[in-house]
PDB file of N, CA and C in Angstrom:
ATOM      1  N   MET A   1       0.830  -1.240   0.078  1.00  0.00           N
ATOM      2  CA  MET A   1       0.030  -0.019   0.088  1.00  0.00           C
ATOM      3  C   MET A   1       0.863   1.258  -0.072  1.00  0.00           C
ATOM      4  N   ASP A   2       1.880   1.333   0.774  1.00  0.00           N
ATOM      5  CA  ASP A   2       2.828   2.415   0.834  1.00  0.00           C
ATOM      6  C   ASP A   2       3.342   2.776  -0.549  1.00  0.00           C
ATOM      7  N   GLY A   3       3.720   1.781  -1.303  1.00  0.00           N
ATOM      8  CA  GLY A   3       4.218   1.919  -2.710  1.00  0.00           C
ATOM      9  C   GLY A   3       3.220   2.725  -3.515  1.00  0.00           C
ATOM     10  N   GLN A   4       1.980   2.333  -3.352  1.00  0.00           N
ATOM     11  CA  GLN A   4       0.993   2.956  -4.227  1.00  0.00           C
ATOM     12  C   GLN A   4       0.778   4.352  -3.892  1.00  0.00           C
ATOM     13  N   ASN A   5       0.786   4.632  -2.704  1.00  0.00           N
ATOM     14  CA  ASN A   5       0.665   5.978  -2.049  1.00  0.00           C
ATOM     15  C   ASN A   5       1.848   7.013  -2.567  1.00  0.00           C
ATOM     16  N   SER A   6       3.010   6.390  -2.554  1.00  0.00           N
ATOM     17  CA  SER A   6       4.167   7.024  -2.868  1.00  0.00           C
ATOM     18  C   SER A   6       4.039   7.349  -4.496  1.00  0.00           C
ATOM     19  N   ASP A   7       3.453   6.416  -5.101  1.00  0.00           N
ATOM     20  CA  ASP A   7       3.386   6.708  -6.696  1.00  0.00           C
ATOM     21  C   ASP A   7       2.435   7.656  -6.952  1.00  0.00           C
ATOM     22  N   ASP A   8       1.117   7.595  -6.220  1.00  0.00           N
ATOM     23  CA  ASP A   8       0.126   8.595  -6.171  1.00  0.00           C
ATOM     24  C   ASP A   8       0.712  10.182  -6.095  1.00  0.00           C
ATOM     25  N   SER A   9       1.480  10.139  -4.748  1.00  0.00           N
ATOM     26  CA  SER A   9       1.952  11.414  -4.338  1.00  0.00           C
ATOM     27  C   SER A   9       2.846  11.971  -5.517  1.00  0.00           C
ATOM     28  N   LYS A  10       3.768  11.057  -6.096  1.00  0.00           N
ATOM     29  CA  LYS A  10       4.667  11.580  -6.977  1.00  0.00           C
ATOM     30  C   LYS A  10       3.751  11.988  -8.162  1.00  0.00           C
ATOM     31  N   GLN A  11       2.845  11.307  -8.536  1.00  0.00           N
ATOM     32  CA  GLN A  11       2.141  11.714  -9.852  1.00  0.00           C
ATOM     33  C   GLN A  11       1.293  13.004  -9.533  1.00  0.00           C
ATOM     34  N   SER A  12       0.904  13.263  -8.217  1.00  0.00           N
ATOM     35  CA  SER A  12       0.247  14.349  -7.968  1.00  0.00           C
ATOM     36  C   SER A  12       1.041  15.516  -7.983  1.00  0.00           C
ATOM     37  N   THR A  13       2.310  15.408  -7.437  1.00  0.00           N
ATOM     38  CA  THR A  13       3.286  16.326  -7.368  1.00  0.00           C
ATOM     39  C   THR A  13       3.690  16.738  -8.987  1.00  0.00           C
ATOM     40  N   ALA A  14       3.833  15.669  -9.776  1.00  0.00           N
ATOM     41  CA  ALA A  14       4.180  16.104 -11.136  1.00  0.00           C
ATOM     42  C   ALA A  14       3.125  16.892 -11.876  1.00  0.00           C
ATOM     43  N   ASP A  15       1.695  16.583 -11.720  1.00  0.00           N
ATOM     44  CA  ASP A  15       0.631  17.081 -12.289  1.00  0.00           C
ATOM     45  C   ASP A  15       0.609  18.519 -11.730  1.00  0.00           C
ATOM     46  N   MET A  16       0.880  18.673 -10.402  1.00  0.00           N
ATOM     47  CA  MET A  16       0.704  20.186  -9.919  1.00  0.00           C
ATOM     48  C   MET A  16       1.832  20.905 -10.566  1.00  0.00           C
ATOM     49  N   THR A  17       3.103  20.427 -10.709  1.00  0.00           N
ATOM     50  CA  THR A  17       4.203  21.013 -11.369  1.00  0.00           C
ATOM     51  C   THR A  17       3.725  21.527 -12.793  1.00  0.00           C
ATOM     52  N   VAL A  18       3.283  20.398 -13.516  1.00  0.00           N
ATOM     53  CA  VAL A  18       2.861  20.921 -14.944  1.00  0.00           C
ATOM     54  C   VAL A  18       1.761  21.846 -14.863  1.00  0.00           C
ATOM     55  N   PHE A  19       0.808  21.917 -14.000  1.00  0.00           N
ATOM     56  CA  PHE A  19      -0.272  22.889 -13.979  1.00  0.00           C
ATOM     57  C   PHE A  19       0.272  24.185 -13.668  1.00  0.00           C
ATOM     58  N   VAL A  20       1.237  24.381 -12.716  1.00  0.00           N
ATOM     59  CA  VAL A  20       1.967  25.633 -12.383  1.00  0.00           C
ATOM     60  C   VAL A  20       2.687  26.224 -13.462  1.00  0.00           C
ATOM     61  N   GLN A  21       3.463  25.223 -14.204  1.00  0.00           N
ATOM     62  CA  GLN A  21       4.182  25.731 -15.289  1.00  0.00           C
ATOM     63  C   GLN A  21       3.291  26.428 -16.327  1.00  0.00           C
ATOM     64  N   ASN A  22       2.290  25.655 -16.633  1.00  0.00           N
ATOM     65  CA  ASN A  22       1.302  26.070 -17.618  1.00  0.00           C
ATOM     66  C   ASN A  22       0.706  27.413 -17.315  1.00  0.00           C
ATOM     67  N   LEU A  23       0.372  27.490 -15.933  1.00  0.00           N
ATOM     68  CA  LEU A  23      -0.269  28.865 -15.506  1.00  0.00           C
ATOM     69  C   LEU A  23       0.807  29.953 -15.724  1.00  0.00           C
ATOM     70  N   LEU A  24       2.061  29.670 -15.227  1.00  0.00           N
ATOM     71  CA  LEU A  24       2.944  30.776 -15.357  1.00  0.00           C
ATOM     72  C   LEU A  24       3.205  31.073 -16.774  1.00  0.00           C
ATOM     73  N   GLN A  25       3.126  30.313 -17.548  1.00  0.00           N
ATOM     74  CA  GLN A  25       3.331  30.476 -18.979  1.00  0.00           C
ATOM     75  C   GLN A  25       2.245  31.244 -19.578  1.00  0.00           C
ATOM     76  N   GLN A  26       1.111  30.992 -19.174  1.00  0.00           N
ATOM     77  CA  GLN A  26      -0.216  31.828 -19.615  1.00  0.00           C
ATOM     78  C   GLN A  26       0.001  33.329 -19.084  1.00  0.00           C
ATOM     79  N   MET A  27       0.341  33.247 -17.855  1.00  0.00           N
ATOM     80  CA  MET A  27       0.560  34.655 -17.080  1.00  0.00           C
ATOM     81  C   MET A  27       1.620  35.524 -17.970  1.00  0.00           C
ATOM     82  N   GLN A  28       2.706  34.883 -18.058  1.00  0.00           N
ATOM     83  CA  GLN A  28       3.831  35.508 -18.888  1.00  0.00           C
ATOM     84  C   GLN A  28       3.416  35.962 -20.150  1.00  0.00           C
ATOM     85  N   SER A  29       2.581  35.240 -21.076  1.00  0.00           N
ATOM     86  CA  SER A  29       1.991  35.561 -22.448  1.00  0.00           C
ATOM     87  C   SER A  29       1.054  36.752 -22.243  1.00  0.00           C
ATOM     88  N   ARG A  30       0.156  36.734 -21.249  1.00  0.00           N
ATOM     89  CA  ARG A  30      -0.822  37.777 -21.031  1.00  0.00           C
ATOM     90  C   ARG A  30       0.033  39.138 -20.647  1.00  0.00           C
ATOM     91  N   PHE A  31       0.993  38.975 -19.758  1.00  0.00           N
ATOM     92  CA  PHE A  31       1.617  40.222 -19.305  1.00  0.00           C
ATOM     93  C   PHE A  31       2.346  40.748 -20.489  1.00  0.00           C
ATOM     94  N   GLN A  32       3.123  39.905 -21.374  1.00  0.00           N
ATOM     95  CA  GLN A  32       3.824  40.430 -22.541  1.00  0.00           C
ATOM     96  C   GLN A  32       2.859  41.130 -23.563  1.00  0.00           C
ATOM     97  N   THR A  33       1.737  40.502 -23.703  1.00  0.00           N
ATOM     98  CA  THR A  33       0.551  41.217 -24.545  1.00  0.00           C
ATOM     99  C   THR A  33       0.165  42.505 -24.036  1.00  0.00           C
ATOM    100  N   MET A  34      -0.051  42.686 -22.668  1.00  0.00           N
ATOM    101  CA  MET A  34      -0.615  43.927 -22.120  1.00  0.00           C
ATOM    102  C   MET A  34       0.711  44.826 -22.134  1.00  0.00           C
ATOM    103  N   SER A  35       1.914  44.387 -21.857  1.00  0.00           N
ATOM    104  CA  SER A  35       3.017  45.274 -22.032  1.00  0.00           C
ATOM    105  C   SER A  35       3.247  45.965 -23.400  1.00  0.00           C
ATOM    106  N   ASP A  36       3.007  45.015 -24.481  1.00  0.00           N
ATOM    107  CA  ASP A  36       3.133  45.649 -25.836  1.00  0.00           C
ATOM    108  C   ASP A  36       2.167  46.534 -26.059  1.00  0.00           C
ATOM    109  N   SER A  37       0.857  46.273 -25.720  1.00  0.00           N
ATOM    110  CA  SER A  37      -0.251  47.195 -25.866  1.00  0.00           C
ATOM    111  C   SER A  37      -0.064  48.525 -25.178  1.00  0.00           C
ATOM    112  N   ILE A  38       0.516  48.447 -24.062  1.00  0.00           N
ATOM    113  CA  ILE A  38       0.682  49.758 -23.263  1.00  0.00           C
ATOM    114  C   ILE A  38       1.814  50.626 -24.092  1.00  0.00           C
ATOM    115  N   ILE A  39       2.794  49.891 -24.441  1.00  0.00           N
ATOM    116  CA  ILE A  39       3.847  50.563 -25.161  1.00  0.00           C
ATOM    117  C   ILE A  39       3.443  51.109 -26.446  1.00  0.00           C
ATOM    118  N   THR A  40       2.500  50.451 -27.287  1.00  0.00           N
ATOM    119  CA  THR A  40       1.980  51.044 -28.346  1.00  0.00           C
ATOM    120  C   THR A  40       1.139  52.102 -28.282  1.00  0.00           C
ATOM    121  N   LYS A  41       0.439  52.218 -27.219  1.00  0.00           N
ATOM    122  CA  LYS A  41      -0.471  53.279 -26.948  1.00  0.00           C
ATOM    123  C   LYS A  41       0.273  54.602 -26.420  1.00  0.00           C
ATOM    124  N   ILE A  42       1.467  54.293 -25.724  1.00  0.00           N
ATOM    125  CA  ILE A  42       2.333  55.447 -25.265  1.00  0.00           C
ATOM    126  C   ILE A  42       2.969  56.031 -26.572  1.00  0.00           C
ATOM    127  N   ASP A  43       3.367  55.093 -27.437  1.00  0.00           N
ATOM    128  CA  ASP A  43       3.985  55.591 -28.716  1.00  0.00           C
ATOM    129  C   ASP A  43       2.829  56.567 -29.571  1.00  0.00           C
ATOM    130  N   ASP A  44       1.772  55.921 -29.668  1.00  0.00           N
ATOM    131  CA  ASP A  44       0.646  56.595 -30.345  1.00  0.00           C
ATOM    132  C   ASP A  44       0.378  58.083 -29.643  1.00  0.00           C
ATOM    133  N   MET A  45       0.696  58.050 -28.383  1.00  0.00           N
ATOM    134  CA  MET A  45       0.125  59.329 -27.812  1.00  0.00           C
ATOM    135  C   MET A  45       1.267  60.303 -28.088  1.00  0.00           C
ATOM    136  N   GLY A  46       2.571  59.843 -27.893  1.00  0.00           N
ATOM    137  CA  GLY A  46       3.689  60.550 -28.175  1.00  0.00           C
ATOM    138  C   GLY A  46       3.542  61.175 -29.677  1.00  0.00           C
ATOM    139  N   ASN A  47       3.208  60.361 -30.630  1.00  0.00           N
ATOM    140  CA  ASN A  47       3.085  60.849 -32.067  1.00  0.00           C
ATOM    141  C   ASN A  47       1.789  61.930 -32.120  1.00  0.00           C
ATOM    142  N   ARG A  48       0.871  61.907 -31.318  1.00  0.00           N
ATOM    143  CA  ARG A  48      -0.402  62.633 -31.470  1.00  0.00           C
ATOM    144  C   ARG A  48       0.106  64.105 -30.690  1.00  0.00           C
ATOM    145  N   ILE A  49       0.892  63.990 -29.809  1.00  0.00           N
ATOM    146  CA  ILE A  49       1.481  65.328 -29.139  1.00  0.00           C
ATOM    147  C   ILE A  49       2.223  65.867 -30.105  1.00  0.00           C
ATOM    148  N   ASN A  50       3.323  65.193 -30.732  1.00  0.00           N
ATOM    149  CA  ASN A  50       4.017  65.804 -31.711  1.00  0.00           C
ATOM    150  C   ASN A  50       3.183  66.574 -32.836  1.00  0.00           C
ATOM    151  N   GLU A  51       2.178  65.859 -33.281  1.00  0.00           N
ATOM    152  CA  GLU A  51       1.274  66.266 -34.456  1.00  0.00           C
ATOM    153  C   GLU A  51       0.613  67.567 -33.821  1.00  0.00           C
ATOM    154  N   LEU A  52      -0.078  67.593 -32.667  1.00  0.00           N
ATOM    155  CA  LEU A  52      -0.582  68.674 -32.103  1.00  0.00           C
ATOM    156  C   LEU A  52       0.285  70.040 -31.933  1.00  0.00           C
ATOM    157  N   GLU A  53       1.545  69.749 -31.357  1.00  0.00           N
ATOM    158  CA  GLU A  53       2.661  70.665 -31.145  1.00  0.00           C
ATOM    159  C   GLU A  53       2.814  71.305 -32.783  1.00  0.00           C
ATOM    160  N   GLN A  54       3.038  70.481 -33.552  1.00  0.00           N
ATOM    161  CA  GLN A  54       3.271  70.981 -34.933  1.00  0.00           C
ATOM    162  C   GLN A  54       2.226  71.924 -35.440  1.00  0.00           C
ATOM    163  N   SER A  55       0.809  71.457 -35.204  1.00  0.00           N
ATOM    164  CA  SER A  55      -0.353  71.918 -35.656  1.00  0.00           C
ATOM    165  C   SER A  55      -0.371  73.481 -34.809  1.00  0.00           C
ATOM    166  N   ILE A  56       0.000  73.396 -33.712  1.00  0.00           N
ATOM    167  CA  ILE A  56      -0.017  74.882 -32.947  1.00  0.00           C
ATOM    168  C   ILE A  56       1.024  75.604 -33.500  1.00  0.00           C
ATOM    169  N   ASN A  57       2.272  75.176 -33.739  1.00  0.00           N
ATOM    170  CA  ASN A  57       3.235  75.974 -34.363  1.00  0.00           C
ATOM    171  C   ASN A  57       2.814  76.616 -35.746  1.00  0.00           C
ATOM    172  N   ASP A  58       2.129  75.801 -36.544  1.00  0.00           N
ATOM    173  CA  ASP A  58       1.771  76.072 -37.769  1.00  0.00           C
ATOM    174  C   ASP A  58       0.476  77.304 -37.812  1.00  0.00           C
ATOM    175  N   LEU A  59      -0.271  76.988 -36.661  1.00  0.00           N
ATOM    176  CA  LEU A  59      -1.228  78.159 -36.557  1.00  0.00           C
ATOM    177  C   LEU A  59      -0.534  79.270 -36.109  1.00  0.00           C
ATOM    178  N   LYS A  60       0.392  79.240 -35.052  1.00  0.00           N
ATOM    179  CA  LYS A  60       1.180  80.524 -34.740  1.00  0.00           C
ATOM    180  C   LYS A  60       1.870  81.043 -35.891  1.00  0.00           C
ATOM    181  N   ALA A  61       2.426  80.547 -36.725  1.00  0.00           N
ATOM    182  CA  ALA A  61       3.035  80.950 -37.895  1.00  0.00           C
ATOM    183  C   ALA A  61       2.094  81.647 -38.926  1.00  0.00           C
ATOM    184  N   GLU A  62       0.965  81.109 -39.022  1.00  0.00           N
ATOM    185  CA  GLU A  62      -0.023  81.633 -39.821  1.00  0.00           C
ATOM    186  C   GLU A  62      -0.589  82.991 -39.343  1.00  0.00           C
ATOM    187  N   MET A  63      -0.686  82.939 -37.897  1.00  0.00           N
ATOM    188  CA  MET A  63      -1.203  84.318 -37.371  1.00  0.00           C
ATOM    189  C   MET A  63      -0.081  85.331 -37.243  1.00  0.00           C
ATOM    190  N   GLY A  64       1.189  84.940 -37.454  1.00  0.00           N
ATOM    191  CA  GLY A  64       2.326  85.892 -37.408  1.00  0.00           C
ATOM    192  C   GLY A  64       2.651  86.112 -36.020  1.00  0.00           C
ATOM    193  N   VAL A  65       2.479  85.339 -35.109  1.00  0.00           N
ATOM    194  CA  VAL A  65       2.725  85.450 -33.648  1.00  0.00           C
ATOM    195  C   VAL A  65       3.717  84.541 -33.077  1.00  0.00           C
ATOM    196  N   GLU A  66       4.510  84.169 -33.925  1.00  0.00           N
ATOM    197  CA  GLU A  66       5.655  83.107 -33.826  1.00  0.00           C
ATOM    198  C   GLU A  66       6.469  83.610 -32.570  1.00  0.00           C
ATOM    199  N   GLY A  67       6.902  84.938 -32.606  1.00  0.00           N
ATOM    200  CA  GLY A  67       7.961  85.407 -31.807  1.00  0.00           C
ATOM    201  C   GLY A  67       7.233  85.954 -30.373  1.00  0.00           C
ATOM    202  N   THR A  68       5.914  86.053 -30.302  1.00  0.00           N
ATOM    203  CA  THR A  68       5.421  86.693 -29.105  1.00  0.00           C
ATOM    204  C   THR A  68       5.211  85.779 -27.990  1.00  0.00           C
ATOM    205  N   SER A  69       4.972  86.359 -26.748  1.00  0.00           N
ATOM    206  CA  SER A  69       4.830  85.302 -25.553  1.00  0.00           C
ATOM    207  C   SER A  69       3.397  84.998 -25.628  1.00  0.00           C
ATOM    208  N   SER A  70       3.131  83.910 -24.803  1.00  0.00           N
ATOM    209  CA  SER A  70       1.768  83.227 -24.663  1.00  0.00           C
ATOM    210  C   SER A  70       0.964  84.290 -23.736  1.00  0.00           C
ATOM    211  N   PRO A  71      -0.394  84.130 -23.881  1.00  0.00           N
ATOM    212  CA  PRO A  71      -1.207  85.008 -22.838  1.00  0.00           C
ATOM    213  C   PRO A  71      -0.900  84.797 -21.489  1.00  0.00           C
ATOM    214  N   LEU A  72      -0.384  83.571 -21.064  1.00  0.00           N
ATOM    215  CA  LEU A  72      -0.094  83.190 -19.642  1.00  0.00           C
ATOM    216  C   LEU A  72       1.216  84.075 -19.343  1.00  0.00           C
ATOM    217  N   ASP A  73       2.107  84.128 -20.222  1.00  0.00           N
ATOM    218  CA  ASP A  73       3.373  84.754 -20.057  1.00  0.00           C
ATOM    219  C   ASP A  73       3.195  86.297 -19.715  1.00  0.00           C
ATOM    220  N   ARG A  74       2.250  86.828 -20.567  1.00  0.00           N
ATOM    221  CA  ARG A  74       1.915  88.292 -20.383  1.00  0.00           C
ATOM    222  C   ARG A  74       1.146  88.591 -19.105  1.00  0.00           C
ATOM    223  N   SER A  75       0.268  87.645 -18.628  1.00  0.00           N
ATOM    224  CA  SER A  75      -0.324  87.886 -17.510  1.00  0.00           C
ATOM    225  C   SER A  75       0.443  87.907 -16.337  1.00  0.00           C
ATOM    226  N   LYS A  76       1.531  87.023 -16.323  1.00  0.00           N
ATOM    227  CA  LYS A  76       2.528  86.799 -15.119  1.00  0.00           C
ATOM    228  C   LYS A  76       3.405  87.988 -15.323  1.00  0.00           C
ATOM    229  N   GLN A  77       3.740  88.515 -16.427  1.00  0.00           N
ATOM    230  CA  GLN A  77       4.491  89.698 -16.522  1.00  0.00           C
ATOM    231  C   GLN A  77       3.795  90.962 -15.771  1.00  0.00           C
ATOM    232  N   LYS A  78       2.537  91.029 -16.149  1.00  0.00           N
ATOM    233  CA  LYS A  78       1.666  92.042 -15.621  1.00  0.00           C
ATOM    234  C   LYS A  78       1.740  92.093 -13.934  1.00  0.00           C
ATOM    235  N   SER A  79       1.523  90.770 -13.706  1.00  0.00           N
ATOM    236  CA  SER A  79       1.483  90.531 -12.027  1.00  0.00           C
ATOM    237  C   SER A  79       2.941  90.837 -11.446  1.00  0.00           C
ATOM    238  N   ASP A  80       3.965  90.568 -12.122  1.00  0.00           N
ATOM    239  CA  ASP A  80       5.205  91.015 -11.591  1.00  0.00           C
ATOM    240  C   ASP A  80       5.425  92.387 -11.537  1.00  0.00           C
ATOM    241  N   GLU A  81       4.864  92.994 -12.686  1.00  0.00           N
ATOM    242  CA  GLU A  81       5.068  94.456 -12.553  1.00  0.00           C
ATOM    243  C   GLU A  81       4.224  95.204 -11.424  1.00  0.00           C
ATOM    244  N   ALA A  82       3.118  94.699 -11.236  1.00  0.00           N
ATOM    245  CA  ALA A  82       2.175  95.142  -9.950  1.00  0.00           C
ATOM    246  C   ALA A  82       2.947  94.918  -8.717  1.00  0.00           C
ATOM    247  N   LYS A  83       3.670  93.822  -8.621  1.00  0.00           N
ATOM    248  CA  LYS A  83       4.274  93.392  -7.315  1.00  0.00           C
ATOM    249  C   LYS A  83       5.404  94.527  -7.120  1.00  0.00           C
ATOM    250  N   GLN A  84       6.009  94.805  -8.394  1.00  0.00           N
ATOM    251  CA  GLN A  84       7.131  95.828  -8.248  1.00  0.00           C
ATOM    252  C   GLN A  84       6.678  97.300  -7.780  1.00  0.00           C
ATOM    253  N   ASP A  85       5.539  97.635  -8.421  1.00  0.00           N
ATOM    254  CA  ASP A  85       4.929  98.826  -8.117  1.00  0.00           C
ATOM    255  C   ASP A  85       4.661  98.891  -6.570  1.00  0.00           C
ATOM    256  N   GLU A  86       4.115  97.870  -6.040  1.00  0.00           N
ATOM    257  CA  GLU A  86       3.648  97.755  -4.673  1.00  0.00           C
ATOM    258  C   GLU A  86       5.071  97.878  -3.762  1.00  0.00           C
ATOM    259  N   GLY A  87       5.970  97.256  -4.110  1.00  0.00           N
ATOM    260  CA  GLY A  87       7.212  97.376  -3.400  1.00  0.00           C
ATOM    261  C   GLY A  87       7.918  98.867  -3.431  1.00  0.00           C
ATOM    262  N   SER A  88       7.788  99.505  -4.355  1.00  0.00           N
ATOM    263  CA  SER A  88       8.367 100.847  -4.570  1.00  0.00           C
ATOM    264  C   SER A  88       7.407 101.943  -3.918  1.00  0.00           C
ATOM    265  N   ALA A  89       6.253 101.479  -3.613  1.00  0.00           N
ATOM    266  CA  ALA A  89       5.363 102.579  -3.008  1.00  0.00           C
ATOM    267  C   ALA A  89       5.625 102.827  -1.429  1.00  0.00           C
TER     268      ALA A  89
END
């Protein structure tokens, strides 16, 4: 009887090993697929950002304001000037 239990135990261990190896291979495959998908999406986003930046620069060139500062920069400059005026008063 002990010989049969030992054989059953060895078979059970072998079956569990095969099961775990298959599971790990499936997980690795899924992880690789997800990783590839994420990298592709990041690359696509980078390309879209570059296209958007180029479109903005094209629009600025069309409007002839390529060398001027943005509205945000101008509002900051006004704020800085107001602080200087307060400091000198």
